[in-house]
PDB file of N, CA and C in Angstrom:
ATOM      1  N   MET A   1      -6.083  12.146 -11.079  1.00  0.00           N
ATOM      2  CA  MET A   1      -5.037  12.938 -10.457  1.00  0.00           C
ATOM      3  C   MET A   1      -4.912  14.281 -11.164  1.00  0.00           C
ATOM      4  N   ALA A   2      -4.762  15.300 -10.397  1.00  0.00           N
ATOM      5  CA  ALA A   2      -4.662  16.636 -10.957  1.00  0.00           C
ATOM      6  C   ALA A   2      -3.286  16.894 -11.564  1.00  0.00           C
ATOM      7  N   SER A   3      -2.252  16.305 -10.990  1.00  0.00           N
ATOM      8  CA  SER A   3      -0.913  16.566 -11.508  1.00  0.00           C
ATOM      9  C   SER A   3       0.031  15.439 -11.120  1.00  0.00           C
ATOM     10  N   ILE A   4       1.206  15.494 -11.685  1.00  0.00           N
ATOM     11  CA  ILE A   4       2.226  14.499 -11.353  1.00  0.00           C
ATOM     12  C   ILE A   4       2.631  14.617  -9.892  1.00  0.00           C
ATOM     13  N   ASP A   5       2.592  15.832  -9.350  1.00  0.00           N
ATOM     14  CA  ASP A   5       2.931  16.019  -7.936  1.00  0.00           C
ATOM     15  C   ASP A   5       1.928  15.314  -7.032  1.00  0.00           C
ATOM     16  N   ASP A   6       0.640  15.372  -7.396  1.00  0.00           N
ATOM     17  CA  ASP A   6      -0.378  14.659  -6.629  1.00  0.00           C
ATOM     18  C   ASP A   6      -0.138  13.158  -6.684  1.00  0.00           C
ATOM     19  N   PHE A   7       0.190  12.679  -7.875  1.00  0.00           N
ATOM     20  CA  PHE A   7       0.483  11.255  -8.047  1.00  0.00           C
ATOM     21  C   PHE A   7       1.676  10.840  -7.193  1.00  0.00           C
ATOM     22  N   ARG A   8       2.740  11.619  -7.256  1.00  0.00           N
ATOM     23  CA  ARG A   8       3.939  11.304  -6.483  1.00  0.00           C
ATOM     24  C   ARG A   8       3.664  11.324  -4.984  1.00  0.00           C
ATOM     25  N   PHE A   9       2.903  12.309  -4.523  1.00  0.00           N
ATOM     26  CA  PHE A   9       2.581  12.403  -3.107  1.00  0.00           C
ATOM     27  C   PHE A   9       1.786  11.191  -2.642  1.00  0.00           C
ATOM     28  N   GLU A  10       0.728  10.845  -3.374  1.00  0.00           N
ATOM     29  CA  GLU A  10      -0.120   9.714  -2.989  1.00  0.00           C
ATOM     30  C   GLU A  10       0.652   8.396  -3.040  1.00  0.00           C
ATOM     31  N   SER A  11       1.431   8.197  -4.097  1.00  0.00           N
ATOM     32  CA  SER A  11       2.189   6.943  -4.191  1.00  0.00           C
ATOM     33  C   SER A  11       3.229   6.863  -3.076  1.00  0.00           C
ATOM     34  N   HIS A  12       3.817   7.992  -2.707  1.00  0.00           N
ATOM     35  CA  HIS A  12       4.793   8.007  -1.614  1.00  0.00           C
ATOM     36  C   HIS A  12       4.120   7.645  -0.288  1.00  0.00           C
ATOM     37  N   GLN A  13       2.936   8.217  -0.031  1.00  0.00           N
ATOM     38  CA  GLN A  13       2.208   7.899   1.205  1.00  0.00           C
ATOM     39  C   GLN A  13       1.878   6.408   1.273  1.00  0.00           C
ATOM     40  N   LEU A  14       1.410   5.857   0.161  1.00  0.00           N
ATOM     41  CA  LEU A  14       1.066   4.430   0.130  1.00  0.00           C
ATOM     42  C   LEU A  14       2.302   3.555   0.317  1.00  0.00           C
ATOM     43  N   LEU A  15       3.407   3.952  -0.287  1.00  0.00           N
ATOM     44  CA  LEU A  15       4.643   3.177  -0.120  1.00  0.00           C
ATOM     45  C   LEU A  15       5.195   3.264   1.296  1.00  0.00           C
ATOM     46  N   LEU A  16       5.021   4.408   1.947  1.00  0.00           N
ATOM     47  CA  LEU A  16       5.457   4.511   3.344  1.00  0.00           C
ATOM     48  C   LEU A  16       4.686   3.523   4.224  1.00  0.00           C
ATOM     49  N   GLU A  17       3.386   3.424   4.016  1.00  0.00           N
ATOM     50  CA  GLU A  17       2.577   2.476   4.795  1.00  0.00           C
ATOM     51  C   GLU A  17       2.953   1.042   4.459  1.00  0.00           C
ATOM     52  N   LEU A  18       3.154   0.750   3.181  1.00  0.00           N
ATOM     53  CA  LEU A  18       3.558  -0.605   2.784  1.00  0.00           C
ATOM     54  C   LEU A  18       4.908  -0.962   3.402  1.00  0.00           C
ATOM     55  N   ASP A  19       5.852  -0.043   3.374  1.00  0.00           N
ATOM     56  CA  ASP A  19       7.170  -0.294   3.956  1.00  0.00           C
ATOM     57  C   ASP A  19       7.069  -0.503   5.469  1.00  0.00           C
ATOM     58  N   ALA A  20       6.286   0.311   6.148  1.00  0.00           N
ATOM     59  CA  ALA A  20       6.128   0.166   7.600  1.00  0.00           C
ATOM     60  C   ALA A  20       5.474  -1.167   7.942  1.00  0.00           C
ATOM     61  N   ALA A  21       4.461  -1.550   7.162  1.00  0.00           N
ATOM     62  CA  ALA A  21       3.785  -2.824   7.412  1.00  0.00           C
ATOM     63  C   ALA A  21       4.727  -4.007   7.176  1.00  0.00           C
ATOM     64  N   THR A  22       5.513  -3.926   6.123  1.00  0.00           N
ATOM     65  CA  THR A  22       6.467  -5.003   5.821  1.00  0.00           C
ATOM     66  C   THR A  22       7.543  -5.089   6.893  1.00  0.00           C
ATOM     67  N   MET A  23       8.036  -3.944   7.331  1.00  0.00           N
ATOM     68  CA  MET A  23       9.051  -3.943   8.395  1.00  0.00           C
ATOM     69  C   MET A  23       8.474  -4.502   9.693  1.00  0.00           C
ATOM     70  N   GLY A  24       7.206  -4.221   9.970  1.00  0.00           N
ATOM     71  CA  GLY A  24       6.568  -4.798  11.149  1.00  0.00           C
ATOM     72  C   GLY A  24       6.545  -6.311  11.082  1.00  0.00           C
ATOM     73  N   MET A  25       6.252  -6.844   9.909  1.00  0.00           N
ATOM     74  CA  MET A  25       6.263  -8.306   9.747  1.00  0.00           C
ATOM     75  C   MET A  25       7.675  -8.861   9.914  1.00  0.00           C
ATOM     76  N   MET A  26       8.646  -8.187   9.332  1.00  0.00           N
ATOM     77  CA  MET A  26      10.024  -8.675   9.414  1.00  0.00           C
ATOM     78  C   MET A  26      10.542  -8.631  10.851  1.00  0.00           C
ATOM     79  N   THR A  27      10.079  -7.649  11.612  1.00  0.00           N
ATOM     80  CA  THR A  27      10.447  -7.591  13.027  1.00  0.00           C
ATOM     81  C   THR A  27       9.899  -8.807  13.758  1.00  0.00           C
ATOM     82  N   LEU A  28       8.669  -9.162  13.449  1.00  0.00           N
ATOM     83  CA  LEU A  28       8.086 -10.364  14.063  1.00  0.00           C
ATOM     84  C   LEU A  28       8.825 -11.627  13.639  1.00  0.00           C
ATOM     85  N   VAL A  29       9.214 -11.699  12.374  1.00  0.00           N
ATOM     86  CA  VAL A  29       9.968 -12.866  11.890  1.00  0.00           C
ATOM     87  C   VAL A  29      11.285 -12.983  12.645  1.00  0.00           C
ATOM     88  N   SER A  30      11.978 -11.856  12.806  1.00  0.00           N
ATOM     89  CA  SER A  30      13.279 -11.918  13.487  1.00  0.00           C
ATOM     90  C   SER A  30      13.144 -12.291  14.964  1.00  0.00           C
ATOM     91  N   SER A  31      11.965 -12.029  15.533  1.00  0.00           N
ATOM     92  CA  SER A  31      11.744 -12.426  16.930  1.00  0.00           C
ATOM     93  C   SER A  31      11.023 -13.778  17.023  1.00  0.00           C
ATOM     94  N   ARG A  32      10.947 -14.464  15.897  1.00  0.00           N
ATOM     95  CA  ARG A  32      10.349 -15.808  15.799  1.00  0.00           C
ATOM     96  C   ARG A  32       8.891 -15.844  16.246  1.00  0.00           C
ATOM     97  N   CYS A  33       8.189 -14.791  15.945  1.00  0.00           N
ATOM     98  CA  CYS A  33       6.760 -14.712  16.258  1.00  0.00           C
ATOM     99  C   CYS A  33       6.000 -14.704  14.936  1.00  0.00           C
ATOM    100  N   VAL A  34       5.781 -15.883  14.378  1.00  0.00           N
ATOM    101  CA  VAL A  34       5.146 -15.982  13.063  1.00  0.00           C
ATOM    102  C   VAL A  34       3.789 -16.690  13.118  1.00  0.00           C
ATOM    103  N   SER A  35       3.146 -16.606  14.261  1.00  0.00           N
ATOM    104  CA  SER A  35       1.782 -17.111  14.393  1.00  0.00           C
ATOM    105  C   SER A  35       1.121 -16.382  15.553  1.00  0.00           C
ATOM    106  N   GLY A  36      -0.181 -16.523  15.631  1.00  0.00           N
ATOM    107  CA  GLY A  36      -0.920 -15.884  16.713  1.00  0.00           C
ATOM    108  C   GLY A  36      -1.521 -14.566  16.293  1.00  0.00           C
ATOM    109  N   PRO A  37      -2.199 -13.909  17.220  1.00  0.00           N
ATOM    110  CA  PRO A  37      -2.935 -12.681  16.892  1.00  0.00           C
ATOM    111  C   PRO A  37      -2.049 -11.520  16.431  1.00  0.00           C
ATOM    112  N   GLU A  38      -0.869 -11.398  17.002  1.00  0.00           N
ATOM    113  CA  GLU A  38       0.034 -10.310  16.588  1.00  0.00           C
ATOM    114  C   GLU A  38       0.474 -10.511  15.138  1.00  0.00           C
ATOM    115  N   TRP A  39       0.805 -11.740  14.779  1.00  0.00           N
ATOM    116  CA  TRP A  39       1.189 -12.056  13.404  1.00  0.00           C
ATOM    117  C   TRP A  39       0.017 -11.829  12.456  1.00  0.00           C
ATOM    118  N   ASP A  40      -1.163 -12.281  12.872  1.00  0.00           N
ATOM    119  CA  ASP A  40      -2.352 -12.105  12.025  1.00  0.00           C
ATOM    120  C   ASP A  40      -2.626 -10.631  11.750  1.00  0.00           C
ATOM    121  N   ALA A  41      -2.490  -9.798  12.761  1.00  0.00           N
ATOM    122  CA  ALA A  41      -2.712  -8.356  12.590  1.00  0.00           C
ATOM    123  C   ALA A  41      -1.660  -7.753  11.651  1.00  0.00           C
ATOM    124  N   ALA A  42      -0.406  -8.147  11.828  1.00  0.00           N
ATOM    125  CA  ALA A  42       0.665  -7.634  10.971  1.00  0.00           C
ATOM    126  C   ALA A  42       0.470  -8.102   9.531  1.00  0.00           C
ATOM    127  N   ASN A  43       0.053  -9.339   9.367  1.00  0.00           N
ATOM    128  CA  ASN A  43      -0.186  -9.887   8.036  1.00  0.00           C
ATOM    129  C   ASN A  43      -1.329  -9.147   7.347  1.00  0.00           C
ATOM    130  N   LYS A  44      -2.391  -8.877   8.085  1.00  0.00           N
ATOM    131  CA  LYS A  44      -3.528  -8.157   7.527  1.00  0.00           C
ATOM    132  C   LYS A  44      -3.126  -6.736   7.140  1.00  0.00           C
ATOM    133  N   ARG A  45      -2.351  -6.073   8.001  1.00  0.00           N
ATOM    134  CA  ARG A  45      -1.910  -4.704   7.706  1.00  0.00           C
ATOM    135  C   ARG A  45      -1.071  -4.668   6.429  1.00  0.00           C
ATOM    136  N   GLN A  46      -0.148  -5.616   6.301  1.00  0.00           N
ATOM    137  CA  GLN A  46       0.713  -5.651   5.122  1.00  0.00           C
ATOM    138  C   GLN A  46      -0.101  -5.956   3.866  1.00  0.00           C
ATOM    139  N   HIS A  47      -1.021  -6.889   3.976  1.00  0.00           N
ATOM    140  CA  HIS A  47      -1.859  -7.256   2.835  1.00  0.00           C
ATOM    141  C   HIS A  47      -2.691  -6.057   2.371  1.00  0.00           C
ATOM    142  N   GLU A  48      -3.304  -5.346   3.313  1.00  0.00           N
ATOM    143  CA  GLU A  48      -4.118  -4.180   2.974  1.00  0.00           C
ATOM    144  C   GLU A  48      -3.277  -3.060   2.370  1.00  0.00           C
ATOM    145  N   ALA A  49      -2.084  -2.853   2.918  1.00  0.00           N
ATOM    146  CA  ALA A  49      -1.199  -1.805   2.385  1.00  0.00           C
ATOM    147  C   ALA A  49      -0.799  -2.120   0.954  1.00  0.00           C
ATOM    148  N   TYR A  50      -0.473  -3.381   0.690  1.00  0.00           N
ATOM    149  CA  TYR A  50      -0.117  -3.772  -0.679  1.00  0.00           C
ATOM    150  C   TYR A  50      -1.311  -3.633  -1.605  1.00  0.00           C
ATOM    151  N   LYS A  51      -2.484  -4.042  -1.147  1.00  0.00           N
ATOM    152  CA  LYS A  51      -3.690  -3.968  -1.970  1.00  0.00           C
ATOM    153  C   LYS A  51      -3.984  -2.515  -2.355  1.00  0.00           C
ATOM    154  N   CYS A  52      -3.855  -1.595  -1.415  1.00  0.00           N
ATOM    155  CA  CYS A  52      -4.090  -0.177  -1.698  1.00  0.00           C
ATOM    156  C   CYS A  52      -3.072   0.375  -2.679  1.00  0.00           C
ATOM    157  N   TRP A  53      -1.810   0.043  -2.486  1.00  0.00           N
ATOM    158  CA  TRP A  53      -0.763   0.524  -3.393  1.00  0.00           C
ATOM    159  C   TRP A  53      -0.964  -0.050  -4.792  1.00  0.00           C
ATOM    160  N   ASP A  54      -1.269  -1.341  -4.879  1.00  0.00           N
ATOM    161  CA  ASP A  54      -1.480  -1.984  -6.170  1.00  0.00           C
ATOM    162  C   ASP A  54      -2.684  -1.380  -6.894  1.00  0.00           C
ATOM    163  N   ALA A  55      -3.769  -1.151  -6.172  1.00  0.00           N
ATOM    164  CA  ALA A  55      -4.958  -0.551  -6.787  1.00  0.00           C
ATOM    165  C   ALA A  55      -4.644   0.847  -7.304  1.00  0.00           C
ATOM    166  N   PHE A  56      -3.867   1.604  -6.553  1.00  0.00           N
ATOM    167  CA  PHE A  56      -3.493   2.951  -6.976  1.00  0.00           C
ATOM    168  C   PHE A  56      -2.621   2.909  -8.222  1.00  0.00           C
ATOM    169  N   MET A  57      -1.633   2.047  -8.222  1.00  0.00           N
ATOM    170  CA  MET A  57      -0.696   1.974  -9.343  1.00  0.00           C
ATOM    171  C   MET A  57      -1.322   1.394 -10.602  1.00  0.00           C
ATOM    172  N   ASN A  58      -2.333   0.577 -10.467  1.00  0.00           N
ATOM    173  CA  ASN A  58      -2.936  -0.085 -11.623  1.00  0.00           C
ATOM    174  C   ASN A  58      -4.349   0.412 -11.909  1.00  0.00           C
ATOM    175  N   ALA A  59      -4.663   1.611 -11.447  1.00  0.00           N
ATOM    176  CA  ALA A  59      -5.990   2.179 -11.709  1.00  0.00           C
ATOM    177  C   ALA A  59      -6.139   2.427 -13.204  1.00  0.00           C
ATOM    178  N   PRO A  60      -7.274   2.021 -13.765  1.00  0.00           N
ATOM    179  CA  PRO A  60      -7.472   2.263 -15.205  1.00  0.00           C
ATOM    180  C   PRO A  60      -7.687   3.750 -15.479  1.00  0.00           C
ATOM    181  N   LEU A  61      -7.282   4.177 -16.651  1.00  0.00           N
ATOM    182  CA  LEU A  61      -7.537   5.552 -17.064  1.00  0.00           C
ATOM    183  C   LEU A  61      -9.023   5.707 -17.358  1.00  0.00           C
ATOM    184  N   ILE A  62      -9.535   6.909 -17.182  1.00  0.00           N
ATOM    185  CA  ILE A  62     -10.914   7.192 -17.551  1.00  0.00           C
ATOM    186  C   ILE A  62     -11.005   7.119 -19.074  1.00  0.00           C
ATOM    187  N   ALA A  63     -11.978   6.376 -19.555  1.00  0.00           N
ATOM    188  CA  ALA A  63     -12.102   6.120 -21.000  1.00  0.00           C
ATOM    189  C   ALA A  63     -12.029   7.390 -21.818  1.00  0.00           C
ATOM    190  N   GLY A  64     -11.196   7.338 -22.862  1.00  0.00           N
ATOM    191  CA  GLY A  64     -11.089   8.447 -23.809  1.00  0.00           C
ATOM    192  C   GLY A  64     -10.272   9.621 -23.318  1.00  0.00           C
ATOM    193  N   THR A  65      -9.639   9.487 -22.145  1.00  0.00           N
ATOM    194  CA  THR A  65      -8.828  10.597 -21.628  1.00  0.00           C
ATOM    195  C   THR A  65      -7.497  10.043 -21.152  1.00  0.00           C
ATOM    196  N   ASN A  66      -6.692  10.928 -20.670  1.00  0.00           N
ATOM    197  CA  ASN A  66      -5.425  10.532 -20.054  1.00  0.00           C
ATOM    198  C   ASN A  66      -5.492  10.792 -18.554  1.00  0.00           C
ATOM    199  N   VAL A  67      -6.721  10.715 -18.002  1.00  0.00           N
ATOM    200  CA  VAL A  67      -6.979  11.096 -16.618  1.00  0.00           C
ATOM    201  C   VAL A  67      -7.250   9.864 -15.776  1.00  0.00           C
ATOM    202  N   LEU A  68      -6.645   9.828 -14.605  1.00  0.00           N
ATOM    203  CA  LEU A  68      -6.901   8.747 -13.652  1.00  0.00           C
ATOM    204  C   LEU A  68      -8.130   9.080 -12.835  1.00  0.00           C
ATOM    205  N   PRO A  69      -8.835   8.060 -12.350  1.00  0.00           N
ATOM    206  CA  PRO A  69      -9.950   8.323 -11.451  1.00  0.00           C
ATOM    207  C   PRO A  69      -9.438   8.901 -10.139  1.00  0.00           C
ATOM    208  N   PRO A  70     -10.321   9.465  -9.294  1.00  0.00           N
ATOM    209  CA  PRO A  70      -9.878  10.032  -8.012  1.00  0.00           C
ATOM    210  C   PRO A  70      -9.147   8.995  -7.162  1.00  0.00           C
ATOM    211  N   ALA A  71      -8.268   9.469  -6.302  1.00  0.00           N
ATOM    212  CA  ALA A  71      -7.493   8.577  -5.419  1.00  0.00           C
ATOM    213  C   ALA A  71      -8.413   7.775  -4.532  1.00  0.00           C
ATOM    214  N   ILE A  72      -7.910   6.646  -4.093  1.00  0.00           N
ATOM    215  CA  ILE A  72      -8.656   5.724  -3.232  1.00  0.00           C
ATOM    216  C   ILE A  72      -8.870   6.351  -1.871  1.00  0.00           C
TER     217      ILE A  72
END
């Protein structure tokens, strides 16, 4: 990451997708639709969004520096 602003921007974008994916799942739960292709798609979207956010937040520093590798 070039700066803290870049980090904040990227983490915000990833969190927006994670929040939207989670809300999509919760909408399905409230409508009692917790199986089938729509649920599977929502589950996959949420899982991928979390995986991307987690990878970004837990990226190892480049050895011997205080620099993160390029964004995902």
